[in-house]
C-alpha atoms as a PDB file:
ATOM      1  CA  MET A   1      58.484  62.443  77.906  1.00  0.00           C
ATOM      2  CA  SER A   2      58.644  63.906  81.391  1.00  0.00           C
ATOM      3  CA  ALA A   3      62.387  63.466  81.685  1.00  0.00           C
ATOM      4  CA  ALA A   4      62.987  64.950  78.270  1.00  0.00           C
ATOM      5  CA  SER A   5      60.707  67.942  78.766  1.00  0.00           C
ATOM      6  CA  ASN A   6      62.278  68.771  82.104  1.00  0.00           C
ATOM      7  CA  ALA A   7      65.823  68.420  80.863  1.00  0.00           C
ATOM      8  CA  ILE A   8      66.177  72.090  79.941  1.00  0.00           C
ATOM      9  CA  THR A   9      64.123  74.519  82.004  1.00  0.00           C
ATOM     10  CA  PRO A  10      64.754  77.981  83.459  1.00  0.00           C
ATOM     11  CA  ALA A  11      64.416  76.566  86.970  1.00  0.00           C
ATOM     12  CA  ASN A  12      67.062  73.922  86.353  1.00  0.00           C
ATOM     13  CA  THR A  13      69.325  76.490  84.707  1.00  0.00           C
ATOM     14  CA  SER A  14      68.958  78.861  87.649  1.00  0.00           C
ATOM     15  CA  HIS A  15      69.675  76.007  90.069  1.00  0.00           C
ATOM     16  CA  ARG A  16      72.806  75.048  88.139  1.00  0.00           C
ATOM     17  CA  GLN A  17      73.941  78.660  88.112  1.00  0.00           C
ATOM     18  CA  ARG A  18      73.551  78.895  91.888  1.00  0.00           C
ATOM     19  CA  ILE A  19      75.534  75.704  92.388  1.00  0.00           C
ATOM     20  CA  LEU A  20      78.211  76.994  90.009  1.00  0.00           C
ATOM     21  CA  MET A  21      78.458  80.318  91.856  1.00  0.00           C
ATOM     22  CA  ILE A  22      78.706  78.598  95.245  1.00  0.00           C
ATOM     23  CA  GLY A  23      81.391  76.268  93.920  1.00  0.00           C
ATOM     24  CA  LEU A  24      83.325  79.164  92.389  1.00  0.00           C
ATOM     25  CA  PHE A  25      83.141  81.166  95.608  1.00  0.00           C
ATOM     26  CA  ALA A  26      84.340  78.172  97.639  1.00  0.00           C
ATOM     27  CA  LEU A  27      87.212  77.690  95.184  1.00  0.00           C
ATOM     28  CA  LEU A  28      88.231  81.348  95.487  1.00  0.00           C
ATOM     29  CA  LEU A  29      88.176  81.181  99.279  1.00  0.00           C
ATOM     30  CA  GLY A  30      90.232  77.990  99.352  1.00  0.00           C
ATOM     31  CA  PHE A  31      92.726  79.038  96.674  1.00  0.00           C
ATOM     32  CA  PRO A  32      95.156  80.839  99.065  1.00  0.00           C
ATOM     33  CA  LEU A  33      95.576  77.628 101.055  1.00  0.00           C
ATOM     34  CA  ILE A  34      97.230  75.821  98.140  1.00  0.00           C
ATOM     35  CA  ALA A  35      98.601  78.652  95.986  1.00  0.00           C
ATOM     36  CA  SER A  36     102.229  79.714  95.742  1.00  0.00           C
ATOM     37  CA  GLN A  37     103.375  83.298  96.278  1.00  0.00           C
ATOM     38  CA  PHE A  38     103.563  83.814  92.516  1.00  0.00           C
ATOM     39  CA  GLN A  39     100.038  82.491  91.992  1.00  0.00           C
ATOM     40  CA  LEU A  40      98.699  84.705  94.765  1.00  0.00           C
ATOM     41  CA  ASP A  41     100.397  87.746  93.266  1.00  0.00           C
ATOM     42  CA  LEU A  42      98.910  86.937  89.862  1.00  0.00           C
ATOM     43  CA  ALA A  43      95.460  86.495  91.417  1.00  0.00           C
ATOM     44  CA  ASN A  44      95.762  89.872  93.135  1.00  0.00           C
ATOM     45  CA  GLN A  45      96.699  91.489  89.833  1.00  0.00           C
ATOM     46  CA  VAL A  46      93.652  89.865  88.249  1.00  0.00           C
ATOM     47  CA  PHE A  47      91.323  91.179  90.967  1.00  0.00           C
ATOM     48  CA  LEU A  48      92.673  94.699  90.473  1.00  0.00           C
ATOM     49  CA  ALA A  49      92.191  94.379  86.718  1.00  0.00           C
ATOM     50  CA  VAL A  50      88.646  93.089  87.234  1.00  0.00           C
ATOM     51  CA  ILE A  51      87.671  96.242  89.138  1.00  0.00           C
ATOM     52  CA  GLY A  52      89.008  98.523  86.403  1.00  0.00           C
ATOM     53  CA  SER A  53      87.642  96.350  83.617  1.00  0.00           C
ATOM     54  CA  LEU A  54      84.142  96.312  85.118  1.00  0.00           C
ATOM     55  CA  ALA A  55      84.272 100.102  85.367  1.00  0.00           C
ATOM     56  CA  LEU A  56      85.307 100.521  81.735  1.00  0.00           C
ATOM     57  CA  MET A  57      82.692  97.995  80.633  1.00  0.00           C
ATOM     58  CA  LEU A  58      79.985 100.075  82.304  1.00  0.00           C
ATOM     59  CA  LEU A  59      81.261 103.238  80.635  1.00  0.00           C
ATOM     60  CA  THR A  60      81.976 101.906  77.148  1.00  0.00           C
ATOM     61  CA  GLY A  61      80.177  98.583  76.864  1.00  0.00           C
ATOM     62  CA  TYR A  62      76.887  99.800  78.345  1.00  0.00           C
ATOM     63  CA  ALA A  63      76.834 103.619  78.302  1.00  0.00           C
ATOM     64  CA  GLY A  64      78.628 103.790  74.953  1.00  0.00           C
ATOM     65  CA  GLN A  65      81.217 106.382  76.034  1.00  0.00           C
ATOM     66  CA  ILE A  66      84.747 105.784  74.742  1.00  0.00           C
ATOM     67  CA  SER A  67      87.551 106.541  77.181  1.00  0.00           C
ATOM     68  CA  LEU A  68      91.336 106.246  77.127  1.00  0.00           C
ATOM     69  CA  GLY A  69      91.818 107.870  80.510  1.00  0.00           C
ATOM     70  CA  HIS A  70      91.899 104.709  82.605  1.00  0.00           C
ATOM     71  CA  GLY A  71      95.620 104.957  83.311  1.00  0.00           C
ATOM     72  CA  GLY A  72      95.198 108.499  84.594  1.00  0.00           C
ATOM     73  CA  LEU A  73      92.344 107.477  86.881  1.00  0.00           C
ATOM     74  CA  LEU A  74      94.390 104.619  88.328  1.00  0.00           C
ATOM     75  CA  ALA A  75      97.248 107.055  88.889  1.00  0.00           C
ATOM     76  CA  ALA A  76      94.874 109.542  90.541  1.00  0.00           C
ATOM     77  CA  GLY A  77      93.765 106.933  93.067  1.00  0.00           C
ATOM     78  CA  ALA A  78      97.332 105.835  93.760  1.00  0.00           C
ATOM     79  CA  TYR A  79      98.619 109.391  94.200  1.00  0.00           C
ATOM     80  CA  THR A  80      95.691 110.226  96.487  1.00  0.00           C
ATOM     81  CA  VAL A  81      96.817 107.402  98.761  1.00  0.00           C
ATOM     82  CA  ALA A  82     100.448 108.520  98.520  1.00  0.00           C
ATOM     83  CA  ILE A  83      99.714 112.145  99.411  1.00  0.00           C
ATOM     84  CA  LEU A  84      97.239 111.471 102.212  1.00  0.00           C
ATOM     85  CA  SER A  85      99.214 108.662 103.848  1.00  0.00           C
ATOM     86  CA  LYS A  86     102.642 110.267 103.419  1.00  0.00           C
ATOM     87  CA  ASP A  87     101.874 113.906 104.182  1.00  0.00           C
ATOM     88  CA  PHE A  88      98.909 113.569 106.538  1.00  0.00           C
ATOM     89  CA  GLY A  89      99.271 110.080 108.009  1.00  0.00           C
ATOM     90  CA  ALA A  90      95.764 109.135 106.861  1.00  0.00           C
ATOM     91  CA  SER A  91      94.577 105.578 107.413  1.00  0.00           C
ATOM     92  CA  PHE A  92      93.209 103.070 104.915  1.00  0.00           C
ATOM     93  CA  TRP A  93      89.654 103.981 105.933  1.00  0.00           C
ATOM     94  CA  VAL A  94      90.307 107.580 104.892  1.00  0.00           C
ATOM     95  CA  THR A  95      92.430 107.122 101.780  1.00  0.00           C
ATOM     96  CA  ILE A  96      90.110 104.672  99.993  1.00  0.00           C
ATOM     97  CA  PRO A  97      86.982 106.903 100.214  1.00  0.00           C
ATOM     98  CA  ALA A  98      89.161 109.907  99.349  1.00  0.00           C
ATOM     99  CA  SER A  99      90.418 108.086  96.257  1.00  0.00           C
ATOM    100  CA  ALA A 100      86.836 107.355  95.241  1.00  0.00           C
ATOM    101  CA  LEU A 101      85.983 111.045  95.653  1.00  0.00           C
ATOM    102  CA  SER A 102      89.013 112.155  93.636  1.00  0.00           C
ATOM    103  CA  GLY A 103      87.985 109.783  90.860  1.00  0.00           C
ATOM    104  CA  ALA A 104      84.420 111.093  90.954  1.00  0.00           C
ATOM    105  CA  LEU A 105      85.681 114.673  90.701  1.00  0.00           C
ATOM    106  CA  LEU A 106      87.818 113.803  87.692  1.00  0.00           C
ATOM    107  CA  GLY A 107      84.813 112.016  86.227  1.00  0.00           C
ATOM    108  CA  VAL A 108      82.810 115.238  86.435  1.00  0.00           C
ATOM    109  CA  ILE A 109      85.588 117.360  84.930  1.00  0.00           C
ATOM    110  CA  PHE A 110      86.464 115.047  82.069  1.00  0.00           C
ATOM    111  CA  GLY A 111      82.912 113.806  81.595  1.00  0.00           C
ATOM    112  CA  PHE A 112      81.705 117.203  80.427  1.00  0.00           C
ATOM    113  CA  PRO A 113      83.330 116.810  76.975  1.00  0.00           C
ATOM    114  CA  SER A 114      81.119 113.731  76.488  1.00  0.00           C
ATOM    115  CA  LEU A 115      78.126 116.065  76.345  1.00  0.00           C
ATOM    116  CA  ARG A 116      79.459 117.556  73.100  1.00  0.00           C
ATOM    117  CA  LEU A 117      81.941 115.040  71.711  1.00  0.00           C
ATOM    118  CA  ARG A 118      81.592 111.515  70.384  1.00  0.00           C
ATOM    119  CA  GLY A 119      83.775 108.737  69.054  1.00  0.00           C
ATOM    120  CA  VAL A 120      87.463 109.373  68.520  1.00  0.00           C
ATOM    121  CA  TYR A 121      87.136 113.017  69.595  1.00  0.00           C
ATOM    122  CA  LEU A 122      85.824 111.928  72.981  1.00  0.00           C
ATOM    123  CA  ALA A 123      88.596 109.329  73.267  1.00  0.00           C
ATOM    124  CA  VAL A 124      91.266 111.967  72.633  1.00  0.00           C
ATOM    125  CA  SER A 125      89.722 114.326  75.198  1.00  0.00           C
ATOM    126  CA  THR A 126      89.806 111.599  77.866  1.00  0.00           C
ATOM    127  CA  LEU A 127      93.401 110.825  76.913  1.00  0.00           C
ATOM    128  CA  ALA A 128      94.257 114.320  78.142  1.00  0.00           C
ATOM    129  CA  LEU A 129      93.200 113.137  81.603  1.00  0.00           C
ATOM    130  CA  HIS A 130      96.037 110.620  81.584  1.00  0.00           C
ATOM    131  CA  PHE A 131      98.749 113.132  80.768  1.00  0.00           C
ATOM    132  CA  ILE A 132      97.470 115.789  83.181  1.00  0.00           C
ATOM    133  CA  VAL A 133      97.312 113.419  86.154  1.00  0.00           C
ATOM    134  CA  ILE A 134     100.724 111.904  85.392  1.00  0.00           C
ATOM    135  CA  TYR A 135     102.236 115.374  85.056  1.00  0.00           C
ATOM    136  CA  LEU A 136     100.803 116.509  88.400  1.00  0.00           C
ATOM    137  CA  GLY A 137     101.922 113.271  90.032  1.00  0.00           C
ATOM    138  CA  THR A 138     105.490 113.530  88.799  1.00  0.00           C
ATOM    139  CA  GLU A 139     105.585 117.175  89.909  1.00  0.00           C
ATOM    140  CA  TYR A 140     104.603 116.021  93.396  1.00  0.00           C
ATOM    141  CA  GLU A 141     107.419 113.458  93.310  1.00  0.00           C
ATOM    142  CA  THR A 142     109.921 116.082  92.168  1.00  0.00           C
ATOM    143  CA  HIS A 143     109.009 118.689  94.786  1.00  0.00           C
ATOM    144  CA  GLY A 144     108.898 116.041  97.503  1.00  0.00           C
ATOM    145  CA  SER A 145     112.315 114.649  96.486  1.00  0.00           C
ATOM    146  CA  TYR A 146     110.829 111.214  95.820  1.00  0.00           C
ATOM    147  CA  ASP A 147     113.366 110.241  93.176  1.00  0.00           C
ATOM    148  CA  SER A 148     112.360 106.582  92.990  1.00  0.00           C
ATOM    149  CA  GLY A 149     108.660 107.004  93.709  1.00  0.00           C
ATOM    150  CA  VAL A 150     106.618 107.557  96.838  1.00  0.00           C
ATOM    151  CA  ILE A 151     106.930 104.741  99.374  1.00  0.00           C
ATOM    152  CA  ILE A 152     103.593 103.745 100.915  1.00  0.00           C
ATOM    153  CA  THR A 153     103.424 102.005 104.286  1.00  0.00           C
ATOM    154  CA  PRO A 154     101.256  98.854 104.323  1.00  0.00           C
ATOM    155  CA  PRO A 155      97.836  99.586 105.826  1.00  0.00           C
ATOM    156  CA  VAL A 156      96.911  98.222 109.235  1.00  0.00           C
ATOM    157  CA  LEU A 157      93.379  96.859 109.520  1.00  0.00           C
ATOM    158  CA  LEU A 158      92.027  95.713 112.885  1.00  0.00           C
ATOM    159  CA  GLY A 159      95.584  95.500 114.176  1.00  0.00           C
ATOM    160  CA  TYR A 160      96.761  93.344 111.263  1.00  0.00           C
ATOM    161  CA  SER A 161      99.242  94.680 108.705  1.00  0.00           C
ATOM    162  CA  LEU A 162      98.490  93.842 105.081  1.00  0.00           C
ATOM    163  CA  GLU A 163     101.899  92.943 103.697  1.00  0.00           C
ATOM    164  CA  SER A 164     101.914  89.444 102.203  1.00  0.00           C
ATOM    165  CA  PRO A 165     100.149  88.488  98.944  1.00  0.00           C
ATOM    166  CA  ARG A 166      98.045  86.023 100.947  1.00  0.00           C
ATOM    167  CA  ALA A 167      96.777  88.777 103.240  1.00  0.00           C
ATOM    168  CA  TRP A 168      96.044  91.020 100.274  1.00  0.00           C
ATOM    169  CA  TYR A 169      94.250  88.242  98.406  1.00  0.00           C
ATOM    170  CA  PHE A 170      91.132  88.425 100.532  1.00  0.00           C
ATOM    171  CA  MET A 171      91.076  92.223 100.452  1.00  0.00           C
ATOM    172  CA  MET A 172      91.381  92.279  96.656  1.00  0.00           C
ATOM    173  CA  LEU A 173      88.724  89.574  96.335  1.00  0.00           C
ATOM    174  CA  LEU A 174      86.374  91.588  98.545  1.00  0.00           C
ATOM    175  CA  PHE A 175      86.760  94.739  96.449  1.00  0.00           C
ATOM    176  CA  ALA A 176      86.389  92.795  93.189  1.00  0.00           C
ATOM    177  CA  VAL A 177      83.141  91.238  94.442  1.00  0.00           C
ATOM    178  CA  LEU A 178      81.905  94.655  95.589  1.00  0.00           C
ATOM    179  CA  ALA A 179      82.711  96.093  92.150  1.00  0.00           C
ATOM    180  CA  TRP A 180      80.729  93.279  90.526  1.00  0.00           C
ATOM    181  CA  LEU A 181      77.745  93.862  92.824  1.00  0.00           C
ATOM    182  CA  VAL A 182      77.803  97.614  92.166  1.00  0.00           C
ATOM    183  CA  ALA A 183      77.961  97.059  88.404  1.00  0.00           C
ATOM    184  CA  ALA A 184      75.277  94.356  88.362  1.00  0.00           C
ATOM    185  CA  ASN A 185      72.854  96.372  90.483  1.00  0.00           C
ATOM    186  CA  LEU A 186      73.406  99.511  88.416  1.00  0.00           C
ATOM    187  CA  LEU A 187      72.561  97.610  85.251  1.00  0.00           C
ATOM    188  CA  ARG A 188      69.341  96.294  86.792  1.00  0.00           C
ATOM    189  CA  SER A 189      68.292  99.789  87.808  1.00  0.00           C
ATOM    190  CA  LYS A 190      66.811 102.708  85.888  1.00  0.00           C
ATOM    191  CA  THR A 191      70.350 103.997  85.396  1.00  0.00           C
ATOM    192  CA  GLY A 192      71.428 100.841  83.576  1.00  0.00           C
ATOM    193  CA  ARG A 193      68.401 100.957  81.293  1.00  0.00           C
ATOM    194  CA  ALA A 194      69.135 104.612  80.511  1.00  0.00           C
ATOM    195  CA  TRP A 195      72.763 103.796  79.666  1.00  0.00           C
ATOM    196  CA  ARG A 196      71.704 101.052  77.264  1.00  0.00           C
ATOM    197  CA  ALA A 197      69.245 103.383  75.562  1.00  0.00           C
ATOM    198  CA  ILE A 198      71.917 106.072  75.180  1.00  0.00           C
ATOM    199  CA  ARG A 199      74.364 103.581  73.706  1.00  0.00           C
ATOM    200  CA  ALA A 200      71.746 102.388  71.220  1.00  0.00           C
ATOM    201  CA  ASN A 201      70.629 105.850  70.069  1.00  0.00           C
ATOM    202  CA  GLU A 202      71.024 109.130  71.943  1.00  0.00           C
ATOM    203  CA  THR A 203      68.349 110.902  69.886  1.00  0.00           C
ATOM    204  CA  VAL A 204      65.753 108.229  70.553  1.00  0.00           C
ATOM    205  CA  ALA A 205      66.733 108.087  74.232  1.00  0.00           C
ATOM    206  CA  GLU A 206      66.212 111.823  74.566  1.00  0.00           C
ATOM    207  CA  ALA A 207      62.869 111.570  72.784  1.00  0.00           C
ATOM    208  CA  LEU A 208      61.823 108.975  75.356  1.00  0.00           C
ATOM    209  CA  GLY A 209      62.445 111.487  78.137  1.00  0.00           C
ATOM    210  CA  ILE A 210      65.824 110.173  79.287  1.00  0.00           C
ATOM    211  CA  GLY A 211      68.181 112.869  80.560  1.00  0.00           C
ATOM    212  CA  VAL A 212      71.031 111.986  78.229  1.00  0.00           C
ATOM    213  CA  SER A 213      73.489 114.571  79.566  1.00  0.00           C
ATOM    214  CA  ARG A 214      72.825 113.647  83.183  1.00  0.00           C
ATOM    215  CA  TYR A 215      73.214 109.911  82.644  1.00  0.00           C
ATOM    216  CA  LYS A 216      76.343 110.278  80.518  1.00  0.00           C
ATOM    217  CA  LEU A 217      77.943 112.394  83.210  1.00  0.00           C
ATOM    218  CA  LEU A 218      76.832 109.897  85.856  1.00  0.00           C
ATOM    219  CA  ALA A 219      78.522 107.110  83.884  1.00  0.00           C
ATOM    220  CA  PHE A 220      81.828 108.977  83.980  1.00  0.00           C
ATOM    221  CA  VAL A 221      81.485 109.775  87.691  1.00  0.00           C
ATOM    222  CA  VAL A 222      80.661 106.223  88.798  1.00  0.00           C
ATOM    223  CA  THR A 223      83.244 104.468  86.641  1.00  0.00           C
ATOM    224  CA  SER A 224      85.982 107.000  87.392  1.00  0.00           C
ATOM    225  CA  SER A 225      85.373 106.505  91.102  1.00  0.00           C
ATOM    226  CA  MET A 226      85.615 102.710  90.765  1.00  0.00           C
ATOM    227  CA  THR A 227      88.824 102.971  88.750  1.00  0.00           C
ATOM    228  CA  ALA A 228      90.445 105.370  91.220  1.00  0.00           C
ATOM    229  CA  VAL A 229      89.734 102.897  94.034  1.00  0.00           C
ATOM    230  CA  ALA A 230      91.513 100.209  91.994  1.00  0.00           C
ATOM    231  CA  GLY A 231      94.457 102.602  91.656  1.00  0.00           C
ATOM    232  CA  ALA A 232      94.485 103.207  95.404  1.00  0.00           C
ATOM    233  CA  LEU A 233      94.588  99.468  96.080  1.00  0.00           C
ATOM    234  CA  PHE A 234      97.374  99.116  93.512  1.00  0.00           C
ATOM    235  CA  GLY A 235      99.439 101.754  95.318  1.00  0.00           C
ATOM    236  CA  TYR A 236      98.989 100.035  98.666  1.00  0.00           C
ATOM    237  CA  TYR A 237      99.693  96.598  97.237  1.00  0.00           C
ATOM    238  CA  ARG A 238     102.887  97.566  95.423  1.00  0.00           C
ATOM    239  CA  GLY A 239     104.085  99.721  98.313  1.00  0.00           C
ATOM    240  CA  PHE A 240     105.096 102.658  96.143  1.00  0.00           C
ATOM    241  CA  VAL A 241     103.675 105.053  93.569  1.00  0.00           C
ATOM    242  CA  SER A 242     105.536 106.392  90.552  1.00  0.00           C
ATOM    243  CA  GLY A 243     104.378 108.029  87.350  1.00  0.00           C
ATOM    244  CA  GLU A 244     106.387 105.484  85.375  1.00  0.00           C
ATOM    245  CA  ALA A 245     104.018 102.740  86.551  1.00  0.00           C
ATOM    246  CA  PHE A 246     101.104 104.311  84.664  1.00  0.00           C
ATOM    247  CA  SER A 247     102.049 104.360  80.998  1.00  0.00           C
ATOM    248  CA  ILE A 248      99.607 104.918  78.158  1.00  0.00           C
ATOM    249  CA  PHE A 249      99.813 101.167  77.516  1.00  0.00           C
ATOM    250  CA  ILE A 250      97.553 100.672  80.553  1.00  0.00           C
ATOM    251  CA  ALA A 251      94.682 102.379  78.721  1.00  0.00           C
ATOM    252  CA  ILE A 252      95.254 100.042  75.770  1.00  0.00           C
ATOM    253  CA  GLN A 253      95.297  97.018  78.071  1.00  0.00           C
ATOM    254  CA  TYR A 254      91.960  97.920  79.628  1.00  0.00           C
ATOM    255  CA  ALA A 255      90.430  98.563  76.218  1.00  0.00           C
ATOM    256  CA  ALA A 256      91.697  95.115  75.230  1.00  0.00           C
ATOM    257  CA  MET A 257      90.080  93.563  78.296  1.00  0.00           C
ATOM    258  CA  ILE A 258      86.564  94.620  77.346  1.00  0.00           C
ATOM    259  CA  ILE A 259      87.088  93.836  73.649  1.00  0.00           C
ATOM    260  CA  ILE A 260      88.630  90.398  74.171  1.00  0.00           C
ATOM    261  CA  GLY A 261      86.202  89.540  76.962  1.00  0.00           C
ATOM    262  CA  GLY A 262      83.144  90.695  75.043  1.00  0.00           C
ATOM    263  CA  MET A 263      81.546  94.125  74.875  1.00  0.00           C
ATOM    264  CA  GLY A 264      78.328  94.627  76.800  1.00  0.00           C
ATOM    265  CA  SER A 265      78.919  91.806  79.286  1.00  0.00           C
ATOM    266  CA  LEU A 266      80.107  91.901  82.890  1.00  0.00           C
ATOM    267  CA  ILE A 267      81.314  88.327  82.585  1.00  0.00           C
ATOM    268  CA  GLY A 268      83.220  89.445  79.511  1.00  0.00           C
ATOM    269  CA  ALA A 269      84.917  92.146  81.585  1.00  0.00           C
ATOM    270  CA  VAL A 270      86.071  89.508  84.075  1.00  0.00           C
ATOM    271  CA  LEU A 271      87.242  87.073  81.390  1.00  0.00           C
ATOM    272  CA  GLY A 272      89.096  89.844  79.587  1.00  0.00           C
ATOM    273  CA  ALA A 273      90.793  90.949  82.804  1.00  0.00           C
ATOM    274  CA  VAL A 274      91.946  87.400  83.516  1.00  0.00           C
ATOM    275  CA  PHE A 275      93.235  86.873  79.982  1.00  0.00           C
ATOM    276  CA  VAL A 276      95.068  90.179  79.553  1.00  0.00           C
ATOM    277  CA  THR A 277      96.655  89.970  83.022  1.00  0.00           C
ATOM    278  CA  ALA A 278      97.839  86.385  82.628  1.00  0.00           C
ATOM    279  CA  PHE A 279      98.843  86.657  78.955  1.00  0.00           C
ATOM    280  CA  PRO A 280     102.373  88.135  79.496  1.00  0.00           C
ATOM    281  CA  TYR A 281     103.214  85.365  81.953  1.00  0.00           C
ATOM    282  CA  PHE A 282     102.012  82.755  79.472  1.00  0.00           C
ATOM    283  CA  ILE A 283     104.203  84.253  76.734  1.00  0.00           C
ATOM    284  CA  GLU A 284     107.153  84.320  79.136  1.00  0.00           C
ATOM    285  CA  TYR A 285     106.584  80.644  79.944  1.00  0.00           C
ATOM    286  CA  LEU A 286     106.523  79.730  76.250  1.00  0.00           C
ATOM    287  CA  LEU A 287     109.694  81.707  75.529  1.00  0.00           C
ATOM    288  CA  PHE A 288     111.644  79.995  78.276  1.00  0.00           C
ATOM    289  CA  MET A 289     110.532  76.622  76.942  1.00  0.00           C
ATOM    290  CA  LEU A 290     112.362  77.372  73.690  1.00  0.00           C
ATOM    291  CA  PRO A 291     116.071  76.662  73.087  1.00  0.00           C
ATOM    292  CA  GLY A 292     118.290  79.618  73.926  1.00  0.00           C
ATOM    293  CA  ALA A 293     116.151  80.863  76.792  1.00  0.00           C
ATOM    294  CA  ASP A 294     118.789  83.414  77.816  1.00  0.00           C
ATOM    295  CA  GLN A 295     118.541  85.195  74.479  1.00  0.00           C
ATOM    296  CA  ALA A 296     114.757  84.963  74.588  1.00  0.00           C
ATOM    297  CA  ALA A 297     114.775  86.808  77.914  1.00  0.00           C
ATOM    298  CA  ASN A 298     116.290  89.863  76.226  1.00  0.00           C
ATOM    299  CA  ALA A 299     113.451  89.934  73.700  1.00  0.00           C
ATOM    300  CA  LEU A 300     110.684  89.228  76.212  1.00  0.00           C
ATOM    301  CA  PHE A 301     109.372  92.788  76.356  1.00  0.00           C
ATOM    302  CA  ALA A 302     109.171  93.151  72.570  1.00  0.00           C
ATOM    303  CA  VAL A 303     107.644  89.701  72.090  1.00  0.00           C
ATOM    304  CA  ASN A 304     104.979  90.454  74.700  1.00  0.00           C
ATOM    305  CA  TYR A 305     103.955  93.637  72.914  1.00  0.00           C
ATOM    306  CA  ALA A 306     103.936  91.943  69.504  1.00  0.00           C
ATOM    307  CA  ALA A 307     101.953  88.924  70.706  1.00  0.00           C
ATOM    308  CA  PHE A 308      99.472  91.173  72.486  1.00  0.00           C
ATOM    309  CA  GLY A 309      98.927  93.153  69.286  1.00  0.00           C
ATOM    310  CA  VAL A 310      98.395  89.985  67.254  1.00  0.00           C
ATOM    311  CA  VAL A 311      95.799  88.709  69.733  1.00  0.00           C
ATOM    312  CA  MET A 312      93.949  92.039  69.597  1.00  0.00           C
ATOM    313  CA  ILE A 313      93.855  91.951  65.782  1.00  0.00           C
ATOM    314  CA  VAL A 314      92.695  88.328  65.730  1.00  0.00           C
ATOM    315  CA  PHE A 315      89.800  89.056  68.070  1.00  0.00           C
ATOM    316  CA  LEU A 316      88.777  92.239  66.248  1.00  0.00           C
ATOM    317  CA  ILE A 317      88.722  90.478  62.874  1.00  0.00           C
ATOM    318  CA  PHE A 318      87.566  86.948  63.632  1.00  0.00           C
ATOM    319  CA  GLU A 319      85.701  87.219  66.952  1.00  0.00           C
ATOM    320  CA  PRO A 320      84.621  90.834  67.655  1.00  0.00           C
ATOM    321  CA  GLY A 321      82.215  89.505  70.273  1.00  0.00           C
ATOM    322  CA  GLY A 322      85.154  88.304  72.372  1.00  0.00           C
ATOM    323  CA  PHE A 323      85.059  85.262  74.623  1.00  0.00           C
ATOM    324  CA  VAL A 324      81.407  85.880  75.458  1.00  0.00           C
ATOM    325  CA  GLY A 325      80.481  86.066  71.779  1.00  0.00           C
ATOM    326  CA  LEU A 326      82.398  82.864  71.107  1.00  0.00           C
ATOM    327  CA  TRP A 327      80.634  81.096  73.961  1.00  0.00           C
ATOM    328  CA  ARG A 328      77.217  82.296  72.773  1.00  0.00           C
ATOM    329  CA  ARG A 329      77.842  80.964  69.277  1.00  0.00           C
ATOM    330  CA  ILE A 330      78.881  77.592  70.674  1.00  0.00           C
ATOM    331  CA  ALA A 331      75.897  77.533  73.052  1.00  0.00           C
ATOM    332  CA  ASN A 332      73.457  78.506  70.289  1.00  0.00           C
ATOM    333  CA  ARG A 333      74.671  75.677  68.102  1.00  0.00           C
ATOM    334  CA  TRP A 334      74.159  73.252  70.961  1.00  0.00           C
ATOM    335  CA  VAL A 335      70.714  74.644  71.835  1.00  0.00           C
ATOM    336  CA  THR A 336      69.497  74.507  68.232  1.00  0.00           C
ATOM    337  CA  SER A 337      70.311  70.816  68.162  1.00  0.00           C
ATOM    338  CA  ALA A 338      68.626  70.219  71.540  1.00  0.00           C
ATOM    339  CA  PRO A 339      64.979  70.390  70.251  1.00  0.00           C
ATOM    340  CA  ASN A 340      65.702  67.554  67.846  1.00  0.00           C
ATOM    341  CA  VAL A 341      66.993  65.446  70.720  1.00  0.00           C
ATOM    342  CA  VAL A 342      63.930  66.299  72.823  1.00  0.00           C
ATOM    343  CA  ALA A 343      61.577  65.529  69.922  1.00  0.00           C
ATOM    344  CA  VAL A 344      63.123  62.100  69.489  1.00  0.00           C
ATOM    345  CA  ALA A 345      62.897  61.471  73.235  1.00  0.00           C
ATOM    346  CA  ARG A 346      59.197  62.415  73.279  1.00  0.00           C
ATOM    347  CA  THR A 347      58.427  59.810  70.627  1.00  0.00           C
END
């Protein structure tokens, strides 16, 4: 009886979670020691996507504000780095906070429509952010005679130049962890509770004394700042900034991350970022396994887009809760059968 009754308890679950987190952290720290250059580059892309995905999850999944301006915010952070480092010789310690501030400013400007608009109208208004930032960025490239983009010098931290994917791995991991901590602590705070109430029902939230306008604007400011920092890191990591790198497809990719991962879940944001980032490489691997790989290479771009669209449709129709929703359904089925097992054990 004792063994059965203690098999599933909150204390044991919490202990297992701590062990799992420690093991995961140790795995992440040891990964660069065994990973190839390609695997490190993919991991760095995932960490960047995690930062942006967490930001969009806070804005849409928790605060209920739809946005398609993620590509513009990433571009804003990258161009901030390009301008400050190229024209003013600013260091990493200046450009990253400046990128966060530029994102926050854009969050204020483009967050104001959220006070009056909802749904698709709000999404279209945030889409304007993308085109405005890209236009200003390409104008900067044109006037500066940067025909192939703005070259960014690798940052030097404590006398060490961040150039290789292995060196960048730890920096990207650090910022991804910081983004997670910021998001998790916000959701535990009064701000997170206000966002959830606004997402559920703005009228009821306002009746409860929640400053709906203030918290909606705060959601745009915080998440825009986080996204701009991800864009700044992207610019440094790639070594150049160009408007062509920030297509409207980026906004669709980030929307896919939070949908496929699972709306209203930080873990879902991470899972979605991993899946969407790795998916094109998986499709490429499958294509080159087929006969006539040379011909398949010519169709790779189109196949990637088509496969990505199919996956989005499948999740929206059959599993709108994403990976997190799928896991919860599986876990619930297991848990509902657990009491029967415990009852038998007690007899």
